[in-house]
Full PDB file with SEQRES, HELIX, SHEET, SSBOND, CRYST1, ORIGX, SCALE, CONECT and MASTER records, all heavy atoms in Angstrom:
SEQRES   1 A   43  MET LYS LEU ALA LEU THR LEU THR TYR ALA ALA ILE ALA          
SEQRES   2 A   43  VAL TYR PHE TYR PHE THR GLY ASN GLN GLY LEU ALA ALA          
SEQRES   3 A   43  LEU PHE VAL MET ALA ALA LEU PHE ILE GLY PHE ALA ILE          
SEQRES   4 A   43  VAL ARG GLN GLY                                              
HELIX    1 AA1 LYS A    2  PHE A   18  1                                  17    
HELIX    2 AA2 GLN A   22  GLN A   42  1                                  21    
CRYST1    1.000    1.000    1.000  90.00  90.00  90.00 P 1           1          
ORIGX1      1.000000  0.000000  0.000000        0.00000                         
ORIGX2      0.000000  1.000000  0.000000        0.00000                         
ORIGX3      0.000000  0.000000  1.000000        0.00000                         
SCALE1      1.000000  0.000000  0.000000        0.00000                         
SCALE2      0.000000  1.000000  0.000000        0.00000                         
SCALE3      0.000000  0.000000  1.000000        0.00000                         
ATOM      1  N   MET A   1     -49.794 103.130 111.489  1.00  0.00           N  
ATOM      2  CA  MET A   1     -50.764 102.504 112.415  1.00  0.00           C  
ATOM      3  C   MET A   1     -49.987 101.677 113.448  1.00  0.00           C  
ATOM      4  O   MET A   1     -50.316 101.565 114.648  1.00  0.00           O  
ATOM      5  CB  MET A   1     -51.661 101.491 111.526  1.00  0.00           C  
ATOM      6  CG  MET A   1     -52.643 102.211 110.719  1.00  0.00           C  
ATOM      7  SD  MET A   1     -53.705 101.082 109.666  1.00  0.00           S  
ATOM      8  CE  MET A   1     -54.527 100.169 110.932  1.00  0.00           C  
ATOM      9  N   LYS A   2     -48.909 100.993 113.097  1.00  0.00           N  
ATOM     10  CA  LYS A   2     -48.132 100.309 114.007  1.00  0.00           C  
ATOM     11  C   LYS A   2     -47.427 101.170 114.957  1.00  0.00           C  
ATOM     12  O   LYS A   2     -47.402 100.934 116.232  1.00  0.00           O  
ATOM     13  CB  LYS A   2     -46.982  99.547 113.299  1.00  0.00           C  
ATOM     14  CG  LYS A   2     -47.486  98.310 112.480  1.00  0.00           C  
ATOM     15  CD  LYS A   2     -46.304  97.640 111.825  1.00  0.00           C  
ATOM     16  CE  LYS A   2     -46.825  96.363 110.995  1.00  0.00           C  
ATOM     17  NZ  LYS A   2     -45.612  95.766 110.276  1.00  0.00           N  
ATOM     18  N   LEU A   3     -47.012 102.326 114.492  1.00  0.00           N  
ATOM     19  CA  LEU A   3     -46.410 103.276 115.481  1.00  0.00           C  
ATOM     20  C   LEU A   3     -47.410 103.931 116.434  1.00  0.00           C  
ATOM     21  O   LEU A   3     -47.168 103.955 117.680  1.00  0.00           O  
ATOM     22  CB  LEU A   3     -45.776 104.505 114.674  1.00  0.00           C  
ATOM     23  CG  LEU A   3     -45.156 105.540 115.450  1.00  0.00           C  
ATOM     24  CD1 LEU A   3     -43.976 104.881 116.248  1.00  0.00           C  
ATOM     25  CD2 LEU A   3     -44.562 106.662 114.577  1.00  0.00           C  
ATOM     26  N   ALA A   4     -48.663 104.124 115.941  1.00  0.00           N  
ATOM     27  CA  ALA A   4     -49.752 104.674 116.814  1.00  0.00           C  
ATOM     28  C   ALA A   4     -50.111 103.505 117.842  1.00  0.00           C  
ATOM     29  O   ALA A   4     -50.312 103.902 119.044  1.00  0.00           O  
ATOM     30  CB  ALA A   4     -50.937 105.016 115.934  1.00  0.00           C  
ATOM     31  N   LEU A   5     -50.116 102.289 117.291  1.00  0.00           N  
ATOM     32  CA  LEU A   5     -50.560 101.217 118.370  1.00  0.00           C  
ATOM     33  C   LEU A   5     -49.403 101.100 119.440  1.00  0.00           C  
ATOM     34  O   LEU A   5     -49.677 100.836 120.636  1.00  0.00           O  
ATOM     35  CB  LEU A   5     -50.687  99.890 117.525  1.00  0.00           C  
ATOM     36  CG  LEU A   5     -51.328  98.711 118.294  1.00  0.00           C  
ATOM     37  CD1 LEU A   5     -52.686  99.120 118.702  1.00  0.00           C  
ATOM     38  CD2 LEU A   5     -51.367  97.526 117.390  1.00  0.00           C  
ATOM     39  N   THR A   6     -48.149 101.272 118.968  1.00  0.00           N  
ATOM     40  CA  THR A   6     -47.048 101.154 119.930  1.00  0.00           C  
ATOM     41  C   THR A   6     -47.172 102.234 121.021  1.00  0.00           C  
ATOM     42  O   THR A   6     -46.976 101.958 122.195  1.00  0.00           O  
ATOM     43  CB  THR A   6     -45.712 101.341 119.164  1.00  0.00           C  
ATOM     44  OG1 THR A   6     -45.539 100.302 118.210  1.00  0.00           O  
ATOM     45  CG2 THR A   6     -44.484 101.220 120.207  1.00  0.00           C  
ATOM     46  N   LEU A   7     -47.436 103.339 120.638  1.00  0.00           N  
ATOM     47  CA  LEU A   7     -47.617 104.524 121.546  1.00  0.00           C  
ATOM     48  C   LEU A   7     -48.829 104.363 122.441  1.00  0.00           C  
ATOM     49  O   LEU A   7     -48.726 104.652 123.660  1.00  0.00           O  
ATOM     50  CB  LEU A   7     -47.674 105.853 120.815  1.00  0.00           C  
ATOM     51  CG  LEU A   7     -46.421 106.274 119.943  1.00  0.00           C  
ATOM     52  CD1 LEU A   7     -46.664 107.508 119.216  1.00  0.00           C  
ATOM     53  CD2 LEU A   7     -45.192 106.491 120.919  1.00  0.00           C  
ATOM     54  N   THR A   8     -49.871 103.726 121.852  1.00  0.00           N  
ATOM     55  CA  THR A   8     -51.085 103.537 122.701  1.00  0.00           C  
ATOM     56  C   THR A   8     -50.824 102.479 123.743  1.00  0.00           C  
ATOM     57  O   THR A   8     -51.219 102.701 124.855  1.00  0.00           O  
ATOM     58  CB  THR A   8     -52.244 103.028 121.717  1.00  0.00           C  
ATOM     59  OG1 THR A   8     -52.511 104.071 120.743  1.00  0.00           O  
ATOM     60  CG2 THR A   8     -53.440 102.761 122.567  1.00  0.00           C  
ATOM     61  N   TYR A   9     -50.059 101.453 123.329  1.00  0.00           N  
ATOM     62  CA  TYR A   9     -49.810 100.352 124.288  1.00  0.00           C  
ATOM     63  C   TYR A   9     -48.941 100.877 125.442  1.00  0.00           C  
ATOM     64  O   TYR A   9     -49.065 100.582 126.581  1.00  0.00           O  
ATOM     65  CB  TYR A   9     -49.192  99.192 123.612  1.00  0.00           C  
ATOM     66  CG  TYR A   9     -50.204  98.301 122.967  1.00  0.00           C  
ATOM     67  CD1 TYR A   9     -49.748  97.188 122.185  1.00  0.00           C  
ATOM     68  CD2 TYR A   9     -51.552  98.448 123.032  1.00  0.00           C  
ATOM     69  CE1 TYR A   9     -50.627  96.329 121.485  1.00  0.00           C  
ATOM     70  CE2 TYR A   9     -52.451  97.713 122.393  1.00  0.00           C  
ATOM     71  CZ  TYR A   9     -51.933  96.617 121.545  1.00  0.00           C  
ATOM     72  OH  TYR A   9     -52.872  95.787 120.975  1.00  0.00           O  
ATOM     73  N   ALA A  10     -47.997 101.736 125.049  1.00  0.00           N  
ATOM     74  CA  ALA A  10     -46.976 102.280 126.031  1.00  0.00           C  
ATOM     75  C   ALA A  10     -47.872 103.203 127.037  1.00  0.00           C  
ATOM     76  O   ALA A  10     -47.538 103.211 128.216  1.00  0.00           O  
ATOM     77  CB  ALA A  10     -45.988 103.158 125.250  1.00  0.00           C  
ATOM     78  N   ALA A  11     -48.742 103.894 126.455  1.00  0.00           N  
ATOM     79  CA  ALA A  11     -49.458 104.849 127.366  1.00  0.00           C  
ATOM     80  C   ALA A  11     -50.367 104.045 128.334  1.00  0.00           C  
ATOM     81  O   ALA A  11     -50.491 104.355 129.487  1.00  0.00           O  
ATOM     82  CB  ALA A  11     -50.420 105.767 126.520  1.00  0.00           C  
ATOM     83  N   ILE A  12     -50.966 102.947 127.834  1.00  0.00           N  
ATOM     84  CA  ILE A  12     -51.791 102.006 128.606  1.00  0.00           C  
ATOM     85  C   ILE A  12     -50.960 101.361 129.705  1.00  0.00           C  
ATOM     86  O   ILE A  12     -51.328 101.329 130.864  1.00  0.00           O  
ATOM     87  CB  ILE A  12     -52.541 101.019 127.821  1.00  0.00           C  
ATOM     88  CG1 ILE A  12     -53.492 101.638 126.862  1.00  0.00           C  
ATOM     89  CG2 ILE A  12     -53.210  99.941 128.689  1.00  0.00           C  
ATOM     90  CD1 ILE A  12     -54.106 100.671 125.910  1.00  0.00           C  
ATOM     91  N   ALA A  13     -49.616 101.066 129.335  1.00  0.00           N  
ATOM     92  CA  ALA A  13     -48.720 100.489 130.324  1.00  0.00           C  
ATOM     93  C   ALA A  13     -48.443 101.434 131.459  1.00  0.00           C  
ATOM     94  O   ALA A  13     -48.367 101.136 132.666  1.00  0.00           O  
ATOM     95  CB  ALA A  13     -47.472 100.079 129.591  1.00  0.00           C  
ATOM     96  N   VAL A  14     -48.225 102.760 131.109  1.00  0.00           N  
ATOM     97  CA  VAL A  14     -48.017 103.729 132.026  1.00  0.00           C  
ATOM     98  C   VAL A  14     -49.164 103.903 133.078  1.00  0.00           C  
ATOM     99  O   VAL A  14     -48.990 103.946 134.235  1.00  0.00           O  
ATOM    100  CB  VAL A  14     -47.623 105.118 131.441  1.00  0.00           C  
ATOM    101  CG1 VAL A  14     -47.523 106.191 132.382  1.00  0.00           C  
ATOM    102  CG2 VAL A  14     -46.341 104.970 130.674  1.00  0.00           C  
ATOM    103  N   TYR A  15     -50.381 103.810 132.421  1.00  0.00           N  
ATOM    104  CA  TYR A  15     -51.535 104.064 133.255  1.00  0.00           C  
ATOM    105  C   TYR A  15     -51.674 102.899 134.233  1.00  0.00           C  
ATOM    106  O   TYR A  15     -51.941 103.110 135.492  1.00  0.00           O  
ATOM    107  CB  TYR A  15     -52.832 104.091 132.338  1.00  0.00           C  
ATOM    108  CG  TYR A  15     -54.147 103.840 133.100  1.00  0.00           C  
ATOM    109  CD1 TYR A  15     -54.702 104.917 133.780  1.00  0.00           C  
ATOM    110  CD2 TYR A  15     -54.730 102.671 133.125  1.00  0.00           C  
ATOM    111  CE1 TYR A  15     -55.815 104.796 134.415  1.00  0.00           C  
ATOM    112  CE2 TYR A  15     -55.910 102.456 133.785  1.00  0.00           C  
ATOM    113  CZ  TYR A  15     -56.456 103.605 134.498  1.00  0.00           C  
ATOM    114  OH  TYR A  15     -57.726 103.426 135.150  1.00  0.00           O  
ATOM    115  N   PHE A  16     -51.489 101.640 133.790  1.00  0.00           N  
ATOM    116  CA  PHE A  16     -51.624 100.485 134.681  1.00  0.00           C  
ATOM    117  C   PHE A  16     -50.554 100.507 135.723  1.00  0.00           C  
ATOM    118  O   PHE A  16     -50.724 100.141 136.861  1.00  0.00           O  
ATOM    119  CB  PHE A  16     -51.496  99.202 133.921  1.00  0.00           C  
ATOM    120  CG  PHE A  16     -52.905  98.785 133.264  1.00  0.00           C  
ATOM    121  CD1 PHE A  16     -52.985  98.547 131.907  1.00  0.00           C  
ATOM    122  CD2 PHE A  16     -54.075  98.685 133.998  1.00  0.00           C  
ATOM    123  CE1 PHE A  16     -54.200  98.183 131.310  1.00  0.00           C  
ATOM    124  CE2 PHE A  16     -55.246  98.358 133.533  1.00  0.00           C  
ATOM    125  CZ  PHE A  16     -55.238  98.062 132.151  1.00  0.00           C  
ATOM    126  N   TYR A  17     -49.276 101.072 135.403  1.00  0.00           N  
ATOM    127  CA  TYR A  17     -48.171 101.061 136.345  1.00  0.00           C  
ATOM    128  C   TYR A  17     -48.585 101.991 137.464  1.00  0.00           C  
ATOM    129  O   TYR A  17     -48.355 101.651 138.705  1.00  0.00           O  
ATOM    130  CB  TYR A  17     -46.918 101.545 135.606  1.00  0.00           C  
ATOM    131  CG  TYR A  17     -45.735 101.644 136.509  1.00  0.00           C  
ATOM    132  CD1 TYR A  17     -45.007 100.532 136.909  1.00  0.00           C  
ATOM    133  CD2 TYR A  17     -45.343 102.899 137.048  1.00  0.00           C  
ATOM    134  CE1 TYR A  17     -43.851 100.608 137.743  1.00  0.00           C  
ATOM    135  CE2 TYR A  17     -44.292 103.029 137.901  1.00  0.00           C  
ATOM    136  CZ  TYR A  17     -43.661 101.863 138.184  1.00  0.00           C  
ATOM    137  OH  TYR A  17     -42.545 101.986 139.137  1.00  0.00           O  
ATOM    138  N   PHE A  18     -49.085 103.095 137.131  1.00  0.00           N  
ATOM    139  CA  PHE A  18     -49.369 104.187 138.137  1.00  0.00           C  
ATOM    140  C   PHE A  18     -50.693 103.908 138.954  1.00  0.00           C  
ATOM    141  O   PHE A  18     -50.847 104.410 140.068  1.00  0.00           O  
ATOM    142  CB  PHE A  18     -49.374 105.572 137.650  1.00  0.00           C  
ATOM    143  CG  PHE A  18     -47.961 106.119 137.282  1.00  0.00           C  
ATOM    144  CD1 PHE A  18     -47.544 106.228 135.997  1.00  0.00           C  
ATOM    145  CD2 PHE A  18     -47.169 106.487 138.321  1.00  0.00           C  
ATOM    146  CE1 PHE A  18     -46.288 106.635 135.731  1.00  0.00           C  
ATOM    147  CE2 PHE A  18     -45.832 106.944 138.058  1.00  0.00           C  
ATOM    148  CZ  PHE A  18     -45.447 107.046 136.778  1.00  0.00           C  
ATOM    149  N   THR A  19     -51.414 102.934 138.482  1.00  0.00           N  
ATOM    150  CA  THR A  19     -52.707 102.577 139.173  1.00  0.00           C  
ATOM    151  C   THR A  19     -52.489 101.281 140.011  1.00  0.00           C  
ATOM    152  O   THR A  19     -53.395 100.673 140.515  1.00  0.00           O  
ATOM    153  CB  THR A  19     -53.853 102.420 138.199  1.00  0.00           C  
ATOM    154  OG1 THR A  19     -53.534 101.391 137.154  1.00  0.00           O  
ATOM    155  CG2 THR A  19     -54.302 103.655 137.622  1.00  0.00           C  
ATOM    156  N   GLY A  20     -51.181 100.813 140.048  1.00  0.00           N  
ATOM    157  CA  GLY A  20     -50.747  99.718 140.859  1.00  0.00           C  
ATOM    158  C   GLY A  20     -50.912  98.274 140.188  1.00  0.00           C  
ATOM    159  O   GLY A  20     -50.797  97.336 140.917  1.00  0.00           O  
ATOM    160  N   ASN A  21     -51.189  98.220 138.881  1.00  0.00           N  
ATOM    161  CA  ASN A  21     -51.362  96.952 138.339  1.00  0.00           C  
ATOM    162  C   ASN A  21     -50.139  96.698 137.391  1.00  0.00           C  
ATOM    163  O   ASN A  21     -50.083  96.847 136.217  1.00  0.00           O  
ATOM    164  CB  ASN A  21     -52.587  96.984 137.390  1.00  0.00           C  
ATOM    165  CG  ASN A  21     -53.013  95.521 137.049  1.00  0.00           C  
ATOM    166  OD1 ASN A  21     -52.188  94.689 136.952  1.00  0.00           O  
ATOM    167  ND2 ASN A  21     -54.269  95.292 136.918  1.00  0.00           N  
ATOM    168  N   GLN A  22     -49.031  96.247 138.167  1.00  0.00           N  
ATOM    169  CA  GLN A  22     -47.775  96.094 137.391  1.00  0.00           C  
ATOM    170  C   GLN A  22     -47.793  94.967 136.397  1.00  0.00           C  
ATOM    171  O   GLN A  22     -47.162  94.955 135.464  1.00  0.00           O  
ATOM    172  CB  GLN A  22     -46.688  95.809 138.443  1.00  0.00           C  
ATOM    173  CG  GLN A  22     -46.059  97.085 139.114  1.00  0.00           C  
ATOM    174  CD  GLN A  22     -47.056  97.691 140.096  1.00  0.00           C  
ATOM    175  OE1 GLN A  22     -47.801  96.973 140.648  1.00  0.00           O  
ATOM    176  NE2 GLN A  22     -46.866  99.011 140.355  1.00  0.00           N  
ATOM    177  N   GLY A  23     -48.634  93.936 136.700  1.00  0.00           N  
ATOM    178  CA  GLY A  23     -48.742  92.767 135.800  1.00  0.00           C  
ATOM    179  C   GLY A  23     -49.289  93.255 134.366  1.00  0.00           C  
ATOM    180  O   GLY A  23     -48.606  92.776 133.362  1.00  0.00           O  
ATOM    181  N   LEU A  24     -50.310  94.011 134.372  1.00  0.00           N  
ATOM    182  CA  LEU A  24     -50.861  94.412 133.095  1.00  0.00           C  
ATOM    183  C   LEU A  24     -49.945  95.412 132.453  1.00  0.00           C  
ATOM    184  O   LEU A  24     -49.740  95.482 131.182  1.00  0.00           O  
ATOM    185  CB  LEU A  24     -52.262  95.035 133.320  1.00  0.00           C  
ATOM    186  CG  LEU A  24     -53.396  94.108 133.425  1.00  0.00           C  
ATOM    187  CD1 LEU A  24     -54.695  94.848 133.730  1.00  0.00           C  
ATOM    188  CD2 LEU A  24     -53.672  93.199 132.116  1.00  0.00           C  
ATOM    189  N   ALA A  25     -49.327  96.281 133.342  1.00  0.00           N  
ATOM    190  CA  ALA A  25     -48.340  97.213 132.749  1.00  0.00           C  
ATOM    191  C   ALA A  25     -47.140  96.560 131.970  1.00  0.00           C  
ATOM    192  O   ALA A  25     -46.806  96.984 130.930  1.00  0.00           O  
ATOM    193  CB  ALA A  25     -47.777  98.104 133.918  1.00  0.00           C  
ATOM    194  N   ALA A  26     -46.680  95.446 132.602  1.00  0.00           N  
ATOM    195  CA  ALA A  26     -45.615  94.733 131.979  1.00  0.00           C  
ATOM    196  C   ALA A  26     -46.120  94.079 130.646  1.00  0.00           C  
ATOM    197  O   ALA A  26     -45.355  93.959 129.702  1.00  0.00           O  
ATOM    198  CB  ALA A  26     -45.052  93.585 132.967  1.00  0.00           C  
ATOM    199  N   LEU A  27     -47.345  93.628 130.614  1.00  0.00           N  
ATOM    200  CA  LEU A  27     -47.872  93.005 129.412  1.00  0.00           C  
ATOM    201  C   LEU A  27     -47.995  93.987 128.282  1.00  0.00           C  
ATOM    202  O   LEU A  27     -47.542  93.622 127.113  1.00  0.00           O  
ATOM    203  CB  LEU A  27     -49.309  92.446 129.757  1.00  0.00           C  
ATOM    204  CG  LEU A  27     -50.021  91.709 128.608  1.00  0.00           C  
ATOM    205  CD1 LEU A  27     -49.254  90.466 128.186  1.00  0.00           C  
ATOM    206  CD2 LEU A  27     -51.445  91.320 128.992  1.00  0.00           C  
ATOM    207  N   PHE A  28     -48.410  95.215 128.580  1.00  0.00           N  
ATOM    208  CA  PHE A  28     -48.640  96.226 127.464  1.00  0.00           C  
ATOM    209  C   PHE A  28     -47.204  96.759 127.146  1.00  0.00           C  
ATOM    210  O   PHE A  28     -46.997  97.107 125.928  1.00  0.00           O  
ATOM    211  CB  PHE A  28     -49.477  97.365 128.015  1.00  0.00           C  
ATOM    212  CG  PHE A  28     -50.913  97.061 127.731  1.00  0.00           C  
ATOM    213  CD1 PHE A  28     -51.677  96.478 128.790  1.00  0.00           C  
ATOM    214  CD2 PHE A  28     -51.553  97.127 126.560  1.00  0.00           C  
ATOM    215  CE1 PHE A  28     -53.047  96.156 128.675  1.00  0.00           C  
ATOM    216  CE2 PHE A  28     -52.797  96.885 126.398  1.00  0.00           C  
ATOM    217  CZ  PHE A  28     -53.635  96.333 127.395  1.00  0.00           C  
ATOM    218  N   VAL A  29     -46.227  96.776 128.042  1.00  0.00           N  
ATOM    219  CA  VAL A  29     -44.864  97.141 127.636  1.00  0.00           C  
ATOM    220  C   VAL A  29     -44.257  96.121 126.721  1.00  0.00           C  
ATOM    221  O   VAL A  29     -43.726  96.505 125.645  1.00  0.00           O  
ATOM    222  CB  VAL A  29     -43.975  97.264 128.863  1.00  0.00           C  
ATOM    223  CG1 VAL A  29     -42.551  97.260 128.475  1.00  0.00           C  
ATOM    224  CG2 VAL A  29     -44.335  98.539 129.797  1.00  0.00           C  
ATOM    225  N   MET A  30     -44.531  94.879 126.959  1.00  0.00           N  
ATOM    226  CA  MET A  30     -43.998  93.776 126.068  1.00  0.00           C  
ATOM    227  C   MET A  30     -44.673  93.902 124.694  1.00  0.00           C  
ATOM    228  O   MET A  30     -43.981  93.757 123.697  1.00  0.00           O  
ATOM    229  CB  MET A  30     -44.261  92.422 126.609  1.00  0.00           C  
ATOM    230  CG  MET A  30     -43.429  92.170 127.890  1.00  0.00           C  
ATOM    231  SD  MET A  30     -41.661  92.096 127.553  1.00  0.00           S  
ATOM    232  CE  MET A  30     -41.555  90.734 126.483  1.00  0.00           C  
ATOM    233  N   ALA A  31     -45.958  94.193 124.633  1.00  0.00           N  
ATOM    234  CA  ALA A  31     -46.655  94.289 123.384  1.00  0.00           C  
ATOM    235  C   ALA A  31     -46.182  95.510 122.622  1.00  0.00           C  
ATOM    236  O   ALA A  31     -45.918  95.395 121.392  1.00  0.00           O  
ATOM    237  CB  ALA A  31     -48.267  94.491 123.672  1.00  0.00           C  
ATOM    238  N   ALA A  32     -45.834  96.678 123.316  1.00  0.00           N  
ATOM    239  CA  ALA A  32     -45.393  97.855 122.682  1.00  0.00           C  
ATOM    240  C   ALA A  32     -43.918  97.560 122.090  1.00  0.00           C  
ATOM    241  O   ALA A  32     -43.670  98.005 120.943  1.00  0.00           O  
ATOM    242  CB  ALA A  32     -45.304  98.977 123.561  1.00  0.00           C  
ATOM    243  N   LEU A  33     -43.177  96.841 122.931  1.00  0.00           N  
ATOM    244  CA  LEU A  33     -41.835  96.516 122.403  1.00  0.00           C  
ATOM    245  C   LEU A  33     -41.808  95.573 121.186  1.00  0.00           C  
ATOM    246  O   LEU A  33     -41.024  95.748 120.216  1.00  0.00           O  
ATOM    247  CB  LEU A  33     -41.005  95.947 123.518  1.00  0.00           C  
ATOM    248  CG  LEU A  33     -40.630  96.747 124.646  1.00  0.00           C  
ATOM    249  CD1 LEU A  33     -40.008  96.083 125.798  1.00  0.00           C  
ATOM    250  CD2 LEU A  33     -39.541  97.881 124.197  1.00  0.00           C  
ATOM    251  N   PHE A  34     -42.727  94.587 121.189  1.00  0.00           N  
ATOM    252  CA  PHE A  34     -42.884  93.716 120.145  1.00  0.00           C  
ATOM    253  C   PHE A  34     -43.269  94.338 118.757  1.00  0.00           C  
ATOM    254  O   PHE A  34     -42.668  94.140 117.678  1.00  0.00           O  
ATOM    255  CB  PHE A  34     -43.922  92.625 120.438  1.00  0.00           C  
ATOM    256  CG  PHE A  34     -44.134  91.666 119.342  1.00  0.00           C  
ATOM    257  CD1 PHE A  34     -43.259  90.574 119.136  1.00  0.00           C  
ATOM    258  CD2 PHE A  34     -45.252  91.823 118.437  1.00  0.00           C  
ATOM    259  CE1 PHE A  34     -43.505  89.633 118.155  1.00  0.00           C  
ATOM    260  CE2 PHE A  34     -45.466  90.857 117.437  1.00  0.00           C  
ATOM    261  CZ  PHE A  34     -44.594  89.721 117.265  1.00  0.00           C  
ATOM    262  N   ILE A  35     -44.208  95.302 118.821  1.00  0.00           N  
ATOM    263  CA  ILE A  35     -44.623  96.033 117.634  1.00  0.00           C  
ATOM    264  C   ILE A  35     -43.559  97.028 117.249  1.00  0.00           C  
ATOM    265  O   ILE A  35     -43.270  97.156 116.063  1.00  0.00           O  
ATOM    266  CB  ILE A  35     -45.940  96.842 117.937  1.00  0.00           C  
ATOM    267  CG1 ILE A  35     -47.048  95.852 118.294  1.00  0.00           C  
ATOM    268  CG2 ILE A  35     -46.258  97.659 116.746  1.00  0.00           C  
ATOM    269  CD1 ILE A  35     -48.298  96.574 118.729  1.00  0.00           C  
ATOM    270  N   GLY A  36     -42.832  97.615 118.130  1.00  0.00           N  
ATOM    271  CA  GLY A  36     -41.681  98.530 117.853  1.00  0.00           C  
ATOM    272  C   GLY A  36     -40.613  97.754 117.112  1.00  0.00           C  
ATOM    273  O   GLY A  36     -40.079  98.239 116.131  1.00  0.00           O  
ATOM    274  N   PHE A  37     -40.334  96.576 117.569  1.00  0.00           N  
ATOM    275  CA  PHE A  37     -39.400  95.653 116.956  1.00  0.00           C  
ATOM    276  C   PHE A  37     -39.701  95.340 115.526  1.00  0.00           C  
ATOM    277  O   PHE A  37     -38.894  95.347 114.628  1.00  0.00           O  
ATOM    278  CB  PHE A  37     -39.167  94.398 117.777  1.00  0.00           C  
ATOM    279  CG  PHE A  37     -38.118  93.458 117.273  1.00  0.00           C  
ATOM    280  CD1 PHE A  37     -36.747  93.745 117.458  1.00  0.00           C  
ATOM    281  CD2 PHE A  37     -38.484  92.407 116.490  1.00  0.00           C  
ATOM    282  CE1 PHE A  37     -35.841  92.855 116.911  1.00  0.00           C  
ATOM    283  CE2 PHE A  37     -37.573  91.463 116.056  1.00  0.00           C  
ATOM    284  CZ  PHE A  37     -36.170  91.693 116.236  1.00  0.00           C  
ATOM    285  N   ALA A  38     -41.016  95.110 115.284  1.00  0.00           N  
ATOM    286  CA  ALA A  38     -41.557  94.796 114.026  1.00  0.00           C  
ATOM    287  C   ALA A  38     -41.453  95.880 113.030  1.00  0.00           C  
ATOM    288  O   ALA A  38     -40.950  95.679 111.870  1.00  0.00           O  
ATOM    289  CB  ALA A  38     -43.012  94.309 114.057  1.00  0.00           C  
ATOM    290  N   ILE A  39     -41.546  97.153 113.582  1.00  0.00           N  
ATOM    291  CA  ILE A  39     -41.496  98.332 112.764  1.00  0.00           C  
ATOM    292  C   ILE A  39     -39.946  98.459 112.283  1.00  0.00           C  
ATOM    293  O   ILE A  39     -39.801  98.750 111.034  1.00  0.00           O  
ATOM    294  CB  ILE A  39     -41.832  99.552 113.571  1.00  0.00           C  
ATOM    295  CG1 ILE A  39     -43.292  99.607 113.769  1.00  0.00           C  
ATOM    296  CG2 ILE A  39     -41.506 100.842 112.821  1.00  0.00           C  
ATOM    297  CD1 ILE A  39     -43.894 100.778 114.749  1.00  0.00           C  
ATOM    298  N   VAL A  40     -39.123  98.199 113.101  1.00  0.00           N  
ATOM    299  CA  VAL A  40     -37.676  98.335 112.739  1.00  0.00           C  
ATOM    300  C   VAL A  40     -37.198  97.223 111.879  1.00  0.00           C  
ATOM    301  O   VAL A  40     -36.483  97.521 110.871  1.00  0.00           O  
ATOM    302  CB  VAL A  40     -36.803  98.341 114.085  1.00  0.00           C  
ATOM    303  CG1 VAL A  40     -35.274  98.142 113.683  1.00  0.00           C  
ATOM    304  CG2 VAL A  40     -37.052  99.655 114.925  1.00  0.00           C  
ATOM    305  N   ARG A  41     -37.576  96.025 112.143  1.00  0.00           N  
ATOM    306  CA  ARG A  41     -37.142  94.795 111.313  1.00  0.00           C  
ATOM    307  C   ARG A  41     -37.888  94.517 110.065  1.00  0.00           C  
ATOM    308  O   ARG A  41     -37.402  93.817 109.164  1.00  0.00           O  
ATOM    309  CB  ARG A  41     -37.064  93.611 112.249  1.00  0.00           C  
ATOM    310  CG  ARG A  41     -36.200  93.752 113.532  1.00  0.00           C  
ATOM    311  CD  ARG A  41     -34.794  93.725 113.100  1.00  0.00           C  
ATOM    312  NE  ARG A  41     -34.246  92.402 112.876  1.00  0.00           N  
ATOM    313  CZ  ARG A  41     -33.102  92.181 112.418  1.00  0.00           C  
ATOM    314  NH1 ARG A  41     -32.263  93.071 112.053  1.00  0.00           N  
ATOM    315  NH2 ARG A  41     -32.602  90.918 112.230  1.00  0.00           N  
ATOM    316  N   GLN A  42     -39.098  95.066 109.965  1.00  0.00           N  
ATOM    317  CA  GLN A  42     -39.918  94.766 108.807  1.00  0.00           C  
ATOM    318  C   GLN A  42     -40.245  96.004 107.942  1.00  0.00           C  
ATOM    319  O   GLN A  42     -40.487  95.841 106.733  1.00  0.00           O  
ATOM    320  CB  GLN A  42     -41.283  94.121 109.258  1.00  0.00           C  
ATOM    321  CG  GLN A  42     -41.111  92.833 109.899  1.00  0.00           C  
ATOM    322  CD  GLN A  42     -42.484  92.251 110.520  1.00  0.00           C  
ATOM    323  OE1 GLN A  42     -43.448  92.747 110.250  1.00  0.00           O  
ATOM    324  NE2 GLN A  42     -42.333  91.152 111.235  1.00  0.00           N  
ATOM    325  N   GLY A  43     -40.173  97.142 108.445  1.00  0.00           N  
ATOM    326  CA  GLY A  43     -40.490  98.422 107.746  1.00  0.00           C  
ATOM    327  C   GLY A  43     -41.847  98.307 107.104  1.00  0.00           C  
ATOM    328  O   GLY A  43     -42.776  97.747 107.643  1.00  0.00           O  
TER     329      GLY A  43                                                      
MASTER        0    0    0    2    0    0    0    6  328    1    0    4          
END                                                                             
């Protein structure tokens, strides 16, 4: 579930980036990185 959420947030970040909303893109990138970090450090 965490992995799926990470990929979903990454996809949303890409969408916002290419639609010109860099602020929201950065926000979802940070969220994806945070969850990815949790997967690695918490298993």
